[in-house]
Amino acid sequence: MADELRLGLRGQVRRVLAPKGVKVVQRLQIEYRWRYLRLGVDPRSGRLQWQWLPRFRQEQLKPVLAAWKPDAIVWDGAGAHRGKQLRDLPTQRVFLPSYSPELNPAERVFAEIRRRGEGRVYPDLDAKQAVVETFLQDLASDPARVKRLCGWDWILEAFGHLPPPTAPAAEYPPCL
């Protein structure tokens, strides 16, 4: 399972708890600078892999996937995921149905990243990336936690129904 997260300085207001009657004021950072986090999640083993990219294009994705060498990858329908340059990789690509990002286990990790990283003002993009990097390292050091977060029964069962890895790389219909 893999996906990308655009991490930027265009902040988001996050829900915070405060005593009744206390007005909560959050500073909002509005700067249009970002990087892309390419995240791979294996819910079977609890393993995480990630790479920071300057842009989200198939030219940047291809070397990352070639280095990771996944046997299968589950993606949404983003244009870069369906690119012709990625078809020659020996990776089975399974596409999720439209409008269903919640079915991708990487999205659960992204929600945790947003929960920890948003709602604050950072001096620069490197500082925000450092917060996310620290969280990812902590999460990667605890595979059992990753399994609890992303290892749903139905997704683990779906891995058993994929064609064998020796089959030629092709696009398979959504698994649901």
Protein backbone atom coordinates (compact mmCIF):
# COMPACT_ATOMS: atom_id res chain seq x y z
CA MET A 1 0.00 0.00 0.00
CA ALA A 2 1.38 3.37 -0.86
CA ASP A 3 0.32 6.93 -1.30
CA GLU A 4 1.60 10.48 -1.14
CA LEU A 5 0.98 13.28 1.32
CA ARG A 6 1.58 16.90 0.48
CA LEU A 7 3.22 18.42 3.52
CA GLY A 8 3.28 22.18 3.46
CA LEU A 9 3.18 25.35 5.44
CA ARG A 10 -0.41 26.07 4.48
CA GLY A 11 -1.64 25.22 7.95
CA GLN A 12 -4.93 23.70 9.01
CA VAL A 13 -6.94 24.61 12.06
CA ARG A 14 -7.20 21.58 14.32
CA ARG A 15 -9.74 20.85 17.00
CA VAL A 16 -8.35 21.45 20.46
CA LEU A 17 -9.90 20.99 23.88
CA ALA A 18 -10.29 23.90 26.29
CA PRO A 19 -12.31 24.55 29.43
CA LYS A 20 -15.86 25.76 28.86
CA GLY A 21 -15.98 29.50 28.23
CA VAL A 22 -12.32 29.81 27.22
CA LYS A 23 -11.82 31.17 23.72
CA VAL A 24 -9.30 29.16 21.73
CA VAL A 25 -7.14 31.12 19.32
CA GLN A 26 -4.95 29.29 16.83
CA ARG A 27 -2.43 31.01 14.64
CA LEU A 28 -2.69 29.94 11.04
CA GLN A 29 0.33 29.79 8.81
CA ILE A 30 -0.30 30.59 5.16
CA GLU A 31 2.76 29.97 3.05
CA TYR A 32 2.63 28.13 -0.23
CA ARG A 33 5.63 25.84 0.09
CA TRP A 34 5.46 22.07 0.35
CA ARG A 35 7.12 18.72 -0.15
CA TYR A 36 5.65 15.33 -0.86
CA LEU A 37 5.97 12.36 1.43
CA ARG A 38 5.92 9.07 -0.46
CA LEU A 39 4.82 6.45 2.08
CA GLY A 40 4.68 2.69 1.69
CA VAL A 41 2.87 0.59 4.29
CA ASP A 42 2.92 -3.20 4.53
CA PRO A 43 0.04 -4.05 6.89
CA ARG A 44 1.13 -7.71 6.98
CA SER A 45 4.52 -7.04 8.56
CA GLY A 46 3.95 -3.56 9.99
CA ARG A 47 6.81 -2.20 7.88
CA LEU A 48 6.95 1.44 6.76
CA GLN A 49 9.05 2.94 3.99
CA TRP A 50 9.13 6.59 3.03
CA GLN A 51 10.88 9.04 0.79
CA TRP A 52 10.66 12.82 0.56
CA LEU A 53 10.07 14.15 -2.96
CA PRO A 54 10.12 17.71 -4.29
CA ARG A 55 7.18 17.05 -6.64
CA PHE A 56 4.48 14.46 -7.20
CA ARG A 57 5.06 13.16 -10.71
CA GLN A 58 5.67 9.72 -12.13
CA GLU A 59 9.26 10.73 -12.98
CA GLN A 60 9.91 11.08 -9.23
CA LEU A 61 7.86 8.01 -8.25
CA LYS A 62 9.52 5.54 -10.58
CA PRO A 63 13.02 5.53 -8.97
CA VAL A 64 11.48 5.24 -5.50
CA LEU A 65 9.36 2.23 -6.50
CA ALA A 66 12.30 0.66 -8.33
CA ALA A 67 14.37 0.90 -5.14
CA TRP A 68 11.58 -0.42 -2.88
CA LYS A 69 10.73 -3.35 -5.20
CA PRO A 70 7.19 -4.04 -3.92
CA ASP A 71 5.48 -7.12 -5.32
CA ALA A 72 2.11 -5.32 -5.38
CA ILE A 73 0.93 -1.83 -4.70
CA VAL A 74 -2.57 -0.56 -3.93
CA TRP A 75 -3.26 2.96 -5.13
CA ASP A 76 -5.96 5.50 -5.69
CA GLY A 77 -6.65 6.79 -9.18
CA ALA A 78 -4.23 9.75 -9.20
CA GLY A 79 -2.84 10.50 -12.64
CA ALA A 80 0.76 9.88 -11.59
CA HIS A 81 -0.23 6.43 -10.35
CA ARG A 82 -1.63 5.48 -13.75
CA GLY A 83 1.30 6.86 -15.74
CA LYS A 84 2.84 4.97 -18.64
CA GLN A 85 6.33 5.25 -17.15
CA LEU A 86 5.32 3.09 -14.19
CA ARG A 87 3.92 0.23 -16.27
CA ASP A 88 7.33 -1.32 -16.95
CA LEU A 89 8.04 -1.86 -13.24
CA PRO A 90 7.61 -5.49 -12.10
CA THR A 91 4.94 -4.42 -9.62
CA GLN A 92 1.29 -5.37 -9.70
CA ARG A 93 -0.81 -2.24 -9.42
CA VAL A 94 -4.25 -2.59 -7.85
CA PHE A 95 -6.40 0.52 -8.02
CA LEU A 96 -8.96 1.39 -5.37
CA PRO A 97 -12.48 2.38 -6.37
CA SER A 98 -13.08 6.09 -6.95
CA TYR A 99 -13.82 8.26 -3.93
CA SER A 100 -12.55 5.70 -1.42
CA PRO A 101 -9.23 6.92 0.00
CA GLU A 102 -10.18 5.55 3.41
CA LEU A 103 -9.55 2.05 2.05
CA ASN A 104 -5.82 2.73 1.69
CA PRO A 105 -3.90 1.91 4.89
CA ALA A 106 -1.41 4.72 4.15
CA GLU A 107 -4.24 7.19 4.76
CA ARG A 108 -4.45 6.02 8.38
CA VAL A 109 -0.79 6.93 8.85
CA PHE A 110 -1.40 10.28 7.14
CA ALA A 111 -4.21 11.02 9.60
CA GLU A 112 -1.80 10.43 12.47
CA ILE A 113 0.80 12.66 10.81
CA ARG A 114 -1.75 15.45 10.44
CA ARG A 115 -2.89 15.02 14.03
CA ARG A 116 0.65 15.51 15.28
CA GLY A 117 1.90 18.08 12.79
CA GLU A 118 -0.95 20.46 12.02
CA GLY A 119 -2.29 23.27 14.18
CA ARG A 120 1.16 24.80 14.84
CA VAL A 121 3.25 27.45 13.16
CA TYR A 122 6.70 26.36 12.00
CA PRO A 123 9.70 28.57 11.25
CA ASP A 124 10.21 26.79 7.92
CA LEU A 125 9.34 23.67 5.96
CA ASP A 126 12.40 21.81 7.25
CA ALA A 127 11.15 22.17 10.84
CA LYS A 128 7.77 20.68 9.96
CA GLN A 129 9.42 17.88 8.01
CA ALA A 130 11.62 17.11 11.04
CA VAL A 131 8.52 16.69 13.23
CA VAL A 132 6.99 14.28 10.70
CA GLU A 133 10.28 12.42 10.24
CA THR A 134 10.59 11.88 14.00
CA PHE A 135 7.03 10.55 14.16
CA LEU A 136 7.63 8.19 11.23
CA GLN A 137 10.81 6.83 12.81
CA ASP A 138 8.97 6.19 16.08
CA LEU A 139 6.13 4.49 14.25
CA ALA A 140 8.49 2.38 12.11
CA SER A 141 10.25 1.13 15.22
CA ASP A 142 6.95 -0.38 16.45
CA PRO A 143 5.60 -2.75 13.74
CA ALA A 144 2.86 -4.01 16.06
CA ARG A 145 1.47 -0.47 16.26
CA VAL A 146 1.51 -0.16 12.46
CA LYS A 147 -0.36 -3.48 12.19
CA ARG A 148 -3.00 -2.27 14.66
CA LEU A 149 -3.33 0.99 12.75
CA CYS A 150 -3.44 -0.41 9.20
CA GLY A 151 -3.83 -4.20 9.26
CA TRP A 152 -7.53 -4.62 8.73
CA ASP A 153 -8.78 -8.18 8.27
CA TRP A 154 -10.24 -7.55 4.82
CA ILE A 155 -7.02 -6.01 3.47
CA LEU A 156 -4.91 -8.87 4.80
CA GLU A 157 -7.30 -11.34 3.17
CA ALA A 158 -7.15 -9.41 -0.13
CA PHE A 159 -3.38 -9.94 -0.28
CA GLY A 160 -4.06 -13.65 -0.53
CA HIS A 161 -6.13 -13.13 -3.68
CA LEU A 162 -3.52 -11.24 -5.69
CA PRO A 163 -2.07 -12.97 -8.74
CA PRO A 164 1.35 -14.52 -8.17
CA PRO A 165 4.29 -12.07 -8.32
CA THR A 166 5.72 -13.82 -11.38
CA ALA A 167 2.76 -12.65 -13.49
CA PRO A 168 3.59 -9.83 -15.91
CA ALA A 169 3.05 -6.35 -14.53
CA ALA A 170 -0.43 -5.19 -15.37
CA GLU A 171 -3.22 -3.08 -14.08
CA TYR A 172 -5.76 -5.11 -12.19
CA PRO A 173 -9.30 -3.95 -11.47
CA PRO A 174 -10.12 -2.70 -7.98
CA CYS A 175 -10.02 -5.49 -5.41
CA LEU A 176 -13.36 -4.54 -3.90
